[in-house]
Amino acid sequence: MIMVMDIGNTNIKSGLYEGNTLKHYWRVATNRQYTSDEYGVTMEDMFHHVKEPKDKVEGIIISSVVPTVNYTIDHMCRDFFDINPIFVQPGIKTGINLKYDNTKELGSDRICNAVAAYTLYGGPCVYIDFGTATTFGVIDKNANFLGGCICPGIKVAAEALVSKTAKLPHYELVKPPKVIGKNTIANLQSGIIFGYVGQIEYLVARMKEELNEPNAKVIATGGVSHLIAAETKAIDHIDNTLTLSGLRLIYEKNN
């Protein structure tokens, strides 16, 4: 059994794979103040909750976009699992050709998503990861990662709008019945959600045009993927464990 960890700015998503099967999946908040012991106790609690002994873990692979917690997580893996974890970083085998100006600038989560999207859905394809930031990646039919774009995440955009204005209220991120809202809350919900749908449709259309592949598959992952996908035909598949699948695939290529 291997453990995969996707360390994001908001959450750490972890999974236990037995072969190709994701047996368990959980997420905890990314806490930059935690010690390795605190993370270790949290992980032990998760293993206890799913009734899995942690000594069944044979390997650990990690994607992290939060460098300040890497040292802590590395020590947690060594102290609590007696395993030297693999971090996804430049030089690791992926099976994808990274056609990026500087691969050191490329987030490891984007690499994992590219590997999983191409392997599981084929190329050419576009993935969209709805996280703290919304990231797009484009992979052609020859397994070349060509790049993409990065936008503010929908929750970040919603919070920024409220925090930077004096009178706009906090609101729930749910779809309003119409685009033309008749009160401030409905106006905010309409602007952020339907405006985001329009952004997704335009960017996907431009990417397919530049790729010259109008039938390229589009795979979405992340917290609000269902909310956006319900309003557009631009997204073909939703895969909430895309990054974790990419971690598993990269682990297999390096072992």
C-alpha atoms as a PDB file:
ATOM      1  CA  MET A   1       0.000   0.000   0.000  1.00  0.00           C
ATOM      2  CA  ILE A   2       1.296   3.487  -0.815  1.00  0.00           C
ATOM      3  CA  MET A   3       0.261   6.828   0.633  1.00  0.00           C
ATOM      4  CA  VAL A   4      -0.038   9.892  -1.585  1.00  0.00           C
ATOM      5  CA  MET A   5      -0.171  13.443  -0.247  1.00  0.00           C
ATOM      6  CA  ASP A   6      -1.199  16.575  -2.131  1.00  0.00           C
ATOM      7  CA  ILE A   7      -0.178  19.588  -0.030  1.00  0.00           C
ATOM      8  CA  GLY A   8      -2.121  22.652  -1.137  1.00  0.00           C
ATOM      9  CA  ASN A   9      -2.411  26.159   0.248  1.00  0.00           C
ATOM     10  CA  THR A  10      -5.710  25.358   1.966  1.00  0.00           C
ATOM     11  CA  ASN A  11      -5.799  21.582   2.479  1.00  0.00           C
ATOM     12  CA  ILE A  12      -3.584  18.527   2.544  1.00  0.00           C
ATOM     13  CA  LYS A  13      -5.335  15.763   0.612  1.00  0.00           C
ATOM     14  CA  SER A  14      -4.110  12.253   1.338  1.00  0.00           C
ATOM     15  CA  GLY A  15      -4.984   8.860  -0.071  1.00  0.00           C
ATOM     16  CA  LEU A  16      -4.116   5.205   0.432  1.00  0.00           C
ATOM     17  CA  TYR A  17      -3.714   3.123  -2.717  1.00  0.00           C
ATOM     18  CA  GLU A  18      -3.676  -0.635  -2.898  1.00  0.00           C
ATOM     19  CA  GLY A  19      -2.579  -1.293  -6.450  1.00  0.00           C
ATOM     20  CA  ASN A  20      -4.705   0.944  -8.663  1.00  0.00           C
ATOM     21  CA  THR A  21      -7.498   1.186  -6.102  1.00  0.00           C
ATOM     22  CA  LEU A  22      -7.915   4.252  -3.909  1.00  0.00           C
ATOM     23  CA  LYS A  23      -9.020   2.604  -0.658  1.00  0.00           C
ATOM     24  CA  HIS A  24      -9.226   5.691   1.542  1.00  0.00           C
ATOM     25  CA  TYR A  25      -9.134   9.438   1.023  1.00  0.00           C
ATOM     26  CA  TRP A  26      -9.187  12.319   3.481  1.00  0.00           C
ATOM     27  CA  ARG A  27      -8.200  15.953   3.816  1.00  0.00           C
ATOM     28  CA  VAL A  28      -6.932  18.082   6.674  1.00  0.00           C
ATOM     29  CA  ALA A  29      -6.241  21.805   6.841  1.00  0.00           C
ATOM     30  CA  THR A  30      -2.773  22.959   5.822  1.00  0.00           C
ATOM     31  CA  ASN A  31      -1.381  24.433   9.038  1.00  0.00           C
ATOM     32  CA  ARG A  32       1.999  26.113   8.650  1.00  0.00           C
ATOM     33  CA  GLN A  33       2.373  26.274  12.447  1.00  0.00           C
ATOM     34  CA  TYR A  34       2.062  22.514  13.031  1.00  0.00           C
ATOM     35  CA  THR A  35       5.081  20.493  14.101  1.00  0.00           C
ATOM     36  CA  SER A  36       5.933  17.120  12.607  1.00  0.00           C
ATOM     37  CA  ASP A  37       4.547  15.484  15.747  1.00  0.00           C
ATOM     38  CA  GLU A  38       1.221  17.276  15.404  1.00  0.00           C
ATOM     39  CA  TYR A  39       0.902  16.222  11.762  1.00  0.00           C
ATOM     40  CA  GLY A  40       1.954  12.705  12.732  1.00  0.00           C
ATOM     41  CA  VAL A  41      -0.696  12.388  15.421  1.00  0.00           C
ATOM     42  CA  THR A  42      -3.299  13.713  12.974  1.00  0.00           C
ATOM     43  CA  MET A  43      -2.290  11.100  10.401  1.00  0.00           C
ATOM     44  CA  GLU A  44      -2.361   8.341  13.017  1.00  0.00           C
ATOM     45  CA  ASP A  45      -5.900   9.396  13.919  1.00  0.00           C
ATOM     46  CA  MET A  46      -6.902   9.166  10.252  1.00  0.00           C
ATOM     47  CA  PHE A  47      -5.436   5.662   9.952  1.00  0.00           C
ATOM     48  CA  HIS A  48      -7.214   4.629  13.127  1.00  0.00           C
ATOM     49  CA  HIS A  49     -10.481   6.061  11.807  1.00  0.00           C
ATOM     50  CA  VAL A  50     -10.339   3.965   8.613  1.00  0.00           C
ATOM     51  CA  LYS A  51      -9.037   0.932  10.555  1.00  0.00           C
ATOM     52  CA  GLU A  52      -5.783   0.617   8.621  1.00  0.00           C
ATOM     53  CA  PRO A  53      -2.444  -0.087  10.343  1.00  0.00           C
ATOM     54  CA  LYS A  54       0.122   2.493   9.265  1.00  0.00           C
ATOM     55  CA  ASP A  55       2.839  -0.154   9.000  1.00  0.00           C
ATOM     56  CA  LYS A  56       1.100  -1.400   5.825  1.00  0.00           C
ATOM     57  CA  VAL A  57       2.374   1.723   4.030  1.00  0.00           C
ATOM     58  CA  GLU A  58       5.336   0.743   1.855  1.00  0.00           C
ATOM     59  CA  GLY A  59       5.997   4.095   0.216  1.00  0.00           C
ATOM     60  CA  ILE A  60       4.974   7.748   0.331  1.00  0.00           C
ATOM     61  CA  ILE A  61       4.952  10.280  -2.505  1.00  0.00           C
ATOM     62  CA  ILE A  62       4.186  13.967  -2.015  1.00  0.00           C
ATOM     63  CA  SER A  63       3.214  16.925  -4.175  1.00  0.00           C
ATOM     64  CA  SER A  64       3.560  20.261  -2.408  1.00  0.00           C
ATOM     65  CA  VAL A  65       2.973  23.867  -3.391  1.00  0.00           C
ATOM     66  CA  VAL A  66       3.723  25.045   0.175  1.00  0.00           C
ATOM     67  CA  PRO A  67       7.521  24.843   0.555  1.00  0.00           C
ATOM     68  CA  THR A  68       7.430  26.023   4.189  1.00  0.00           C
ATOM     69  CA  VAL A  69       5.797  22.789   5.371  1.00  0.00           C
ATOM     70  CA  ASN A  70       7.901  20.359   3.308  1.00  0.00           C
ATOM     71  CA  TYR A  71      10.584  19.935   5.971  1.00  0.00           C
ATOM     72  CA  THR A  72       7.922  19.271   8.604  1.00  0.00           C
ATOM     73  CA  ILE A  73       6.055  16.712   6.482  1.00  0.00           C
ATOM     74  CA  ASP A  74       9.312  15.023   5.504  1.00  0.00           C
ATOM     75  CA  HIS A  75      10.194  14.538   9.178  1.00  0.00           C
ATOM     76  CA  MET A  76       6.674  13.320   9.952  1.00  0.00           C
ATOM     77  CA  CYS A  77       7.022  10.599   7.309  1.00  0.00           C
ATOM     78  CA  ARG A  78      10.394   9.518   8.666  1.00  0.00           C
ATOM     79  CA  ASP A  79       9.385   9.586  12.342  1.00  0.00           C
ATOM     80  CA  PHE A  80       5.870   8.129  12.146  1.00  0.00           C
ATOM     81  CA  PHE A  81       6.128   5.824   9.115  1.00  0.00           C
ATOM     82  CA  ASP A  82       9.876   5.136   9.009  1.00  0.00           C
ATOM     83  CA  ILE A  83       9.774   6.014   5.294  1.00  0.00           C
ATOM     84  CA  ASN A  84      11.843   8.451   3.257  1.00  0.00           C
ATOM     85  CA  PRO A  85       9.162  10.120   1.102  1.00  0.00           C
ATOM     86  CA  ILE A  86       9.476  10.988  -2.576  1.00  0.00           C
ATOM     87  CA  PHE A  87       8.723  14.619  -3.481  1.00  0.00           C
ATOM     88  CA  VAL A  88       7.570  15.443  -7.004  1.00  0.00           C
ATOM     89  CA  GLN A  89      10.221  17.838  -8.300  1.00  0.00           C
ATOM     90  CA  PRO A  90      12.298  18.454 -11.449  1.00  0.00           C
ATOM     91  CA  GLY A  91      14.128  15.322 -12.555  1.00  0.00           C
ATOM     92  CA  ILE A  92      11.522  12.830 -11.416  1.00  0.00           C
ATOM     93  CA  LYS A  93      10.195  10.420 -14.063  1.00  0.00           C
ATOM     94  CA  THR A  94       6.700  11.369 -15.217  1.00  0.00           C
ATOM     95  CA  GLY A  95       6.226  10.023 -18.744  1.00  0.00           C
ATOM     96  CA  ILE A  96       5.270  13.570 -19.777  1.00  0.00           C
ATOM     97  CA  ASN A  97       7.506  15.960 -21.726  1.00  0.00           C
ATOM     98  CA  LEU A  98       7.431  19.308 -19.942  1.00  0.00           C
ATOM     99  CA  LYS A  99       7.603  21.975 -22.655  1.00  0.00           C
ATOM    100  CA  TYR A 100       7.885  24.756 -20.097  1.00  0.00           C
ATOM    101  CA  ASP A 101      10.398  27.600 -20.109  1.00  0.00           C
ATOM    102  CA  ASN A 102      11.557  26.828 -16.568  1.00  0.00           C
ATOM    103  CA  THR A 103      10.332  23.543 -15.107  1.00  0.00           C
ATOM    104  CA  LYS A 104      11.457  24.657 -11.630  1.00  0.00           C
ATOM    105  CA  GLU A 105       8.642  27.206 -11.708  1.00  0.00           C
ATOM    106  CA  LEU A 106       6.019  24.576 -12.500  1.00  0.00           C
ATOM    107  CA  GLY A 107       3.904  23.515  -9.521  1.00  0.00           C
ATOM    108  CA  SER A 108       4.158  19.811  -8.710  1.00  0.00           C
ATOM    109  CA  ASP A 109       0.358  19.557  -8.550  1.00  0.00           C
ATOM    110  CA  ARG A 110       0.187  20.697 -12.189  1.00  0.00           C
ATOM    111  CA  ILE A 111       2.650  17.977 -13.157  1.00  0.00           C
ATOM    112  CA  CYS A 112       0.578  15.350 -11.326  1.00  0.00           C
ATOM    113  CA  ASN A 113      -2.608  16.558 -13.006  1.00  0.00           C
ATOM    114  CA  ALA A 114      -0.949  16.429 -16.432  1.00  0.00           C
ATOM    115  CA  VAL A 115       0.254  12.859 -15.883  1.00  0.00           C
ATOM    116  CA  ALA A 116      -3.159  11.670 -14.672  1.00  0.00           C
ATOM    117  CA  ALA A 117      -5.167  13.518 -17.334  1.00  0.00           C
ATOM    118  CA  TYR A 118      -3.078  12.136 -20.201  1.00  0.00           C
ATOM    119  CA  THR A 119      -2.794   8.599 -18.809  1.00  0.00           C
ATOM    120  CA  LEU A 120      -6.437   8.206 -17.788  1.00  0.00           C
ATOM    121  CA  TYR A 121      -8.205  10.206 -20.519  1.00  0.00           C
ATOM    122  CA  GLY A 122      -5.729  10.353 -23.391  1.00  0.00           C
ATOM    123  CA  GLY A 123      -4.441  13.285 -25.371  1.00  0.00           C
ATOM    124  CA  PRO A 124      -4.938  15.904 -26.451  1.00  0.00           C
ATOM    125  CA  CYS A 125      -6.591  17.150 -23.282  1.00  0.00           C
ATOM    126  CA  VAL A 126      -7.014  20.134 -21.011  1.00  0.00           C
ATOM    127  CA  TYR A 127      -7.297  19.871 -17.244  1.00  0.00           C
ATOM    128  CA  ILE A 128      -8.762  22.493 -14.921  1.00  0.00           C
ATOM    129  CA  ASP A 129      -7.967  22.340 -11.213  1.00  0.00           C
ATOM    130  CA  PHE A 130     -10.369  24.418  -9.130  1.00  0.00           C
ATOM    131  CA  GLY A 131      -8.318  25.050  -6.002  1.00  0.00           C
ATOM    132  CA  THR A 132      -7.149  28.136  -4.120  1.00  0.00           C
ATOM    133  CA  ALA A 133      -5.964  29.117  -7.586  1.00  0.00           C
ATOM    134  CA  THR A 134      -7.626  27.769 -10.711  1.00  0.00           C
ATOM    135  CA  THR A 135      -4.941  26.211 -12.894  1.00  0.00           C
ATOM    136  CA  PHE A 136      -5.240  25.046 -16.504  1.00  0.00           C
ATOM    137  CA  GLY A 137      -2.890  22.646 -18.216  1.00  0.00           C
ATOM    138  CA  VAL A 138      -2.716  21.550 -21.843  1.00  0.00           C
ATOM    139  CA  ILE A 139      -1.269  18.223 -23.003  1.00  0.00           C
ATOM    140  CA  ASP A 140      -1.054  17.346 -26.697  1.00  0.00           C
ATOM    141  CA  LYS A 141      -1.511  13.923 -28.315  1.00  0.00           C
ATOM    142  CA  ASN A 142       2.224  13.201 -27.999  1.00  0.00           C
ATOM    143  CA  ALA A 143       2.293  13.591 -24.192  1.00  0.00           C
ATOM    144  CA  ASN A 144       3.824  17.067 -24.306  1.00  0.00           C
ATOM    145  CA  PHE A 145       2.758  19.408 -21.513  1.00  0.00           C
ATOM    146  CA  LEU A 146       2.540  22.709 -23.375  1.00  0.00           C
ATOM    147  CA  GLY A 147       1.665  25.045 -20.490  1.00  0.00           C
ATOM    148  CA  GLY A 148      -1.616  26.676 -19.546  1.00  0.00           C
ATOM    149  CA  CYS A 149      -2.775  29.535 -17.366  1.00  0.00           C
ATOM    150  CA  ILE A 150      -3.492  30.416 -13.735  1.00  0.00           C
ATOM    151  CA  CYS A 151      -6.487  32.393 -12.448  1.00  0.00           C
ATOM    152  CA  PRO A 152      -7.659  33.362  -8.966  1.00  0.00           C
ATOM    153  CA  GLY A 153      -9.748  30.591  -7.429  1.00  0.00           C
ATOM    154  CA  ILE A 154     -13.454  31.287  -7.257  1.00  0.00           C
ATOM    155  CA  LYS A 155     -13.427  31.416  -3.437  1.00  0.00           C
ATOM    156  CA  VAL A 156     -10.400  33.710  -3.422  1.00  0.00           C
ATOM    157  CA  ALA A 157     -12.103  36.042  -5.914  1.00  0.00           C
ATOM    158  CA  ALA A 158     -15.325  36.032  -3.904  1.00  0.00           C
ATOM    159  CA  GLU A 159     -13.537  36.813  -0.637  1.00  0.00           C
ATOM    160  CA  ALA A 160     -11.371  39.513  -2.213  1.00  0.00           C
ATOM    161  CA  LEU A 161     -14.411  41.325  -3.582  1.00  0.00           C
ATOM    162  CA  VAL A 162     -16.036  41.483  -0.155  1.00  0.00           C
ATOM    163  CA  SER A 163     -12.872  42.309   1.799  1.00  0.00           C
ATOM    164  CA  LYS A 164     -11.883  45.154  -0.535  1.00  0.00           C
ATOM    165  CA  THR A 165     -15.255  46.896  -0.520  1.00  0.00           C
ATOM    166  CA  ALA A 166     -16.974  48.764   2.301  1.00  0.00           C
ATOM    167  CA  LYS A 167     -20.609  47.760   1.858  1.00  0.00           C
ATOM    168  CA  LEU A 168     -20.743  44.443   0.031  1.00  0.00           C
ATOM    169  CA  PRO A 169     -21.797  41.641   2.411  1.00  0.00           C
ATOM    170  CA  HIS A 170     -20.446  38.129   2.813  1.00  0.00           C
ATOM    171  CA  TYR A 171     -22.524  35.582   0.933  1.00  0.00           C
ATOM    172  CA  GLU A 172     -22.920  31.873   0.316  1.00  0.00           C
ATOM    173  CA  LEU A 173     -21.348  30.520  -2.848  1.00  0.00           C
ATOM    174  CA  VAL A 174     -24.459  29.000  -4.440  1.00  0.00           C
ATOM    175  CA  LYS A 175     -25.968  29.436  -7.874  1.00  0.00           C
ATOM    176  CA  PRO A 176     -28.782  32.024  -8.043  1.00  0.00           C
ATOM    177  CA  PRO A 177     -31.879  31.261 -10.148  1.00  0.00           C
ATOM    178  CA  LYS A 178     -31.083  33.921 -12.761  1.00  0.00           C
ATOM    179  CA  VAL A 179     -28.190  35.987 -14.068  1.00  0.00           C
ATOM    180  CA  ILE A 180     -30.161  39.192 -13.517  1.00  0.00           C
ATOM    181  CA  GLY A 181     -30.290  39.385  -9.734  1.00  0.00           C
ATOM    182  CA  LYS A 182     -32.814  41.522  -7.876  1.00  0.00           C
ATOM    183  CA  ASN A 183     -30.837  41.991  -4.654  1.00  0.00           C
ATOM    184  CA  THR A 184     -27.199  42.458  -3.677  1.00  0.00           C
ATOM    185  CA  ILE A 185     -26.631  38.847  -2.612  1.00  0.00           C
ATOM    186  CA  ALA A 186     -28.072  37.518  -5.881  1.00  0.00           C
ATOM    187  CA  ASN A 187     -25.987  40.058  -7.821  1.00  0.00           C
ATOM    188  CA  LEU A 188     -22.811  38.853  -6.128  1.00  0.00           C
ATOM    189  CA  GLN A 189     -23.648  35.180  -6.639  1.00  0.00           C
ATOM    190  CA  SER A 190     -24.524  35.738 -10.272  1.00  0.00           C
ATOM    191  CA  GLY A 191     -21.395  37.740 -11.028  1.00  0.00           C
ATOM    192  CA  ILE A 192     -18.962  35.332  -9.428  1.00  0.00           C
ATOM    193  CA  ILE A 193     -20.524  32.028 -10.546  1.00  0.00           C
ATOM    194  CA  PHE A 194     -21.834  32.809 -14.020  1.00  0.00           C
ATOM    195  CA  GLY A 195     -18.880  35.108 -14.655  1.00  0.00           C
ATOM    196  CA  TYR A 196     -16.576  32.225 -13.781  1.00  0.00           C
ATOM    197  CA  VAL A 197     -18.449  29.925 -16.146  1.00  0.00           C
ATOM    198  CA  GLY A 198     -17.893  32.443 -18.939  1.00  0.00           C
ATOM    199  CA  GLN A 199     -14.202  32.635 -18.088  1.00  0.00           C
ATOM    200  CA  ILE A 200     -13.860  28.848 -18.238  1.00  0.00           C
ATOM    201  CA  GLU A 201     -15.670  28.595 -21.572  1.00  0.00           C
ATOM    202  CA  TYR A 202     -13.574  31.340 -23.172  1.00  0.00           C
ATOM    203  CA  LEU A 203     -10.227  29.999 -21.953  1.00  0.00           C
ATOM    204  CA  VAL A 204     -11.034  26.421 -22.977  1.00  0.00           C
ATOM    205  CA  ALA A 205     -12.155  27.599 -26.432  1.00  0.00           C
ATOM    206  CA  ARG A 206      -8.939  29.622 -26.910  1.00  0.00           C
ATOM    207  CA  MET A 207      -6.777  26.708 -25.770  1.00  0.00           C
ATOM    208  CA  LYS A 208      -8.463  24.304 -28.181  1.00  0.00           C
ATOM    209  CA  GLU A 209      -8.017  26.861 -30.964  1.00  0.00           C
ATOM    210  CA  GLU A 210      -4.308  27.367 -30.239  1.00  0.00           C
ATOM    211  CA  LEU A 211      -3.859  23.603 -29.926  1.00  0.00           C
ATOM    212  CA  ASN A 212      -5.808  23.132 -33.177  1.00  0.00           C
ATOM    213  CA  GLU A 213      -7.702  20.324 -31.474  1.00  0.00           C
ATOM    214  CA  PRO A 214     -11.426  21.196 -31.241  1.00  0.00           C
ATOM    215  CA  ASN A 215     -12.239  17.790 -29.739  1.00  0.00           C
ATOM    216  CA  ALA A 216      -9.630  17.844 -26.988  1.00  0.00           C
ATOM    217  CA  LYS A 217     -11.059  16.388 -23.774  1.00  0.00           C
ATOM    218  CA  VAL A 218     -11.498  18.690 -20.787  1.00  0.00           C
ATOM    219  CA  ILE A 219     -11.134  17.237 -17.285  1.00  0.00           C
ATOM    220  CA  ALA A 220     -12.035  19.188 -14.157  1.00  0.00           C
ATOM    221  CA  THR A 221     -10.978  18.538 -10.579  1.00  0.00           C
ATOM    222  CA  GLY A 222     -11.123  20.412  -7.289  1.00  0.00           C
ATOM    223  CA  GLY A 223     -13.663  21.683  -4.810  1.00  0.00           C
ATOM    224  CA  VAL A 224     -16.072  23.674  -6.993  1.00  0.00           C
ATOM    225  CA  SER A 225     -15.725  21.632 -10.186  1.00  0.00           C
ATOM    226  CA  HIS A 226     -19.288  20.273  -9.861  1.00  0.00           C
ATOM    227  CA  LEU A 227     -20.720  23.769  -9.371  1.00  0.00           C
ATOM    228  CA  ILE A 228     -19.102  25.097 -12.554  1.00  0.00           C
ATOM    229  CA  ALA A 229     -19.496  21.941 -14.653  1.00  0.00           C
ATOM    230  CA  ALA A 230     -23.243  21.965 -14.054  1.00  0.00           C
ATOM    231  CA  GLU A 231     -23.458  25.266 -15.968  1.00  0.00           C
ATOM    232  CA  THR A 232     -21.316  24.538 -19.022  1.00  0.00           C
ATOM    233  CA  LYS A 233     -20.705  21.949 -21.712  1.00  0.00           C
ATOM    234  CA  ALA A 234     -17.046  22.929 -21.900  1.00  0.00           C
ATOM    235  CA  ILE A 235     -16.129  20.293 -19.271  1.00  0.00           C
ATOM    236  CA  ASP A 236     -16.260  16.628 -20.341  1.00  0.00           C
ATOM    237  CA  HIS A 237     -15.212  14.820 -17.168  1.00  0.00           C
ATOM    238  CA  ILE A 238     -15.036  15.516 -13.432  1.00  0.00           C
ATOM    239  CA  ASP A 239     -12.337  13.636 -11.521  1.00  0.00           C
ATOM    240  CA  ASN A 240     -12.023  14.752  -7.907  1.00  0.00           C
ATOM    241  CA  THR A 241      -8.958  12.565  -7.280  1.00  0.00           C
ATOM    242  CA  LEU A 242      -7.018  13.550 -10.417  1.00  0.00           C
ATOM    243  CA  THR A 243      -3.980  14.848  -8.521  1.00  0.00           C
ATOM    244  CA  LEU A 244      -3.844  11.783  -6.259  1.00  0.00           C
ATOM    245  CA  SER A 245      -4.035   9.517  -9.316  1.00  0.00           C
ATOM    246  CA  GLY A 246      -1.138  11.427 -10.835  1.00  0.00           C
ATOM    247  CA  LEU A 247       0.901  10.896  -7.675  1.00  0.00           C
ATOM    248  CA  ARG A 248       0.242   7.153  -7.795  1.00  0.00           C
ATOM    249  CA  LEU A 249       1.244   6.975 -11.455  1.00  0.00           C
ATOM    250  CA  ILE A 250       4.456   8.930 -10.847  1.00  0.00           C
ATOM    251  CA  TYR A 251       5.313   6.691  -7.891  1.00  0.00           C
ATOM    252  CA  GLU A 252       4.944   3.629 -10.102  1.00  0.00           C
ATOM    253  CA  LYS A 253       7.194   5.153 -12.771  1.00  0.00           C
ATOM    254  CA  ASN A 254       9.916   5.772 -10.175  1.00  0.00           C
ATOM    255  CA  ASN A 255       9.728   2.378  -8.443  1.00  0.00           C
END
